[in-house]
Amino acid sequence: MDDILSSLAEGSVLLTGITTGQVIQTAKVARIVAVVFVRKKTK
C-alpha cells in the first residue's frame, strides 16, 4: 500500500485485485475517489 500513497494523486481512481480492509483505509488516507475491485483477466 506504500506505493499507492506515494504515486497516486488526490482524486484518483484505484483499480486493485486486493480485497482487504487495508485497501479502503489507504484509499481514505490518499483521498482516492473510487476503488474498483477487479478479478483475473482473460484472453
C-alpha atoms as a PDB file:
ATOM      1  CA  MET A   1       0.000   0.000   0.000  1.00  0.00           C
ATOM      2  CA  ASP A   2       3.043   2.276   0.340  1.00  0.00           C
ATOM      3  CA  ASP A   3       3.288   2.665  -3.419  1.00  0.00           C
ATOM      4  CA  ILE A   4      -0.334   3.825  -3.593  1.00  0.00           C
ATOM      5  CA  LEU A   5       0.263   6.573  -1.066  1.00  0.00           C
ATOM      6  CA  SER A   6       3.358   7.789  -2.888  1.00  0.00           C
ATOM      7  CA  SER A   7       2.210   7.565  -6.506  1.00  0.00           C
ATOM      8  CA  LEU A   8      -1.496   8.403  -6.801  1.00  0.00           C
ATOM      9  CA  ALA A   9      -2.815  11.934  -6.957  1.00  0.00           C
ATOM     10  CA  GLU A  10      -5.744  13.104  -4.862  1.00  0.00           C
ATOM     11  CA  GLY A  11      -8.992  12.383  -6.712  1.00  0.00           C
ATOM     12  CA  SER A  12      -7.650   9.274  -8.483  1.00  0.00           C
ATOM     13  CA  VAL A  13      -9.487   6.002  -9.069  1.00  0.00           C
ATOM     14  CA  LEU A  14      -7.752   2.885  -7.737  1.00  0.00           C
ATOM     15  CA  LEU A  15      -8.009  -0.421  -9.619  1.00  0.00           C
ATOM     16  CA  THR A  16      -6.987  -3.388  -7.478  1.00  0.00           C
ATOM     17  CA  GLY A  17      -7.348  -7.106  -7.082  1.00  0.00           C
ATOM     18  CA  ILE A  18      -6.718  -6.876  -3.330  1.00  0.00           C
ATOM     19  CA  THR A  19      -9.931  -7.163  -1.315  1.00  0.00           C
ATOM     20  CA  THR A  20      -8.921  -6.275   2.211  1.00  0.00           C
ATOM     21  CA  GLY A  21      -9.953  -3.509   4.549  1.00  0.00           C
ATOM     22  CA  GLN A  22      -6.474  -2.046   4.236  1.00  0.00           C
ATOM     23  CA  VAL A  23      -7.281  -1.031   0.642  1.00  0.00           C
ATOM     24  CA  ILE A  24     -10.230   1.061   1.827  1.00  0.00           C
ATOM     25  CA  GLN A  25      -8.238   2.648   4.641  1.00  0.00           C
ATOM     26  CA  THR A  26      -5.410   3.500   2.240  1.00  0.00           C
ATOM     27  CA  ALA A  27      -7.893   4.985  -0.225  1.00  0.00           C
ATOM     28  CA  LYS A  28      -9.310   7.203   2.517  1.00  0.00           C
ATOM     29  CA  VAL A  29      -5.875   8.435   3.549  1.00  0.00           C
ATOM     30  CA  ALA A  30      -4.842   9.065  -0.093  1.00  0.00           C
ATOM     31  CA  ARG A  31      -8.186  10.777  -0.855  1.00  0.00           C
ATOM     32  CA  ILE A  32      -8.936   8.384  -3.689  1.00  0.00           C
ATOM     33  CA  VAL A  33     -12.447   8.974  -5.028  1.00  0.00           C
ATOM     34  CA  ALA A  34     -13.248   5.374  -6.008  1.00  0.00           C
ATOM     35  CA  VAL A  35     -11.917   1.858  -5.601  1.00  0.00           C
ATOM     36  CA  VAL A  36     -12.675  -0.672  -8.347  1.00  0.00           C
ATOM     37  CA  PHE A  37     -12.090  -4.298  -7.439  1.00  0.00           C
ATOM     38  CA  VAL A  38     -11.056  -6.322 -10.489  1.00  0.00           C
ATOM     39  CA  ARG A  39     -10.865 -10.044 -10.984  1.00  0.00           C
ATOM     40  CA  LYS A  40      -8.493 -12.135 -13.031  1.00  0.00           C
ATOM     41  CA  LYS A  41      -8.261 -11.097 -16.652  1.00  0.00           C
ATOM     42  CA  THR A  42      -8.876 -13.462 -19.526  1.00  0.00           C
ATOM     43  CA  LYS A  43      -7.595 -13.501 -23.070  1.00  0.00           C
END
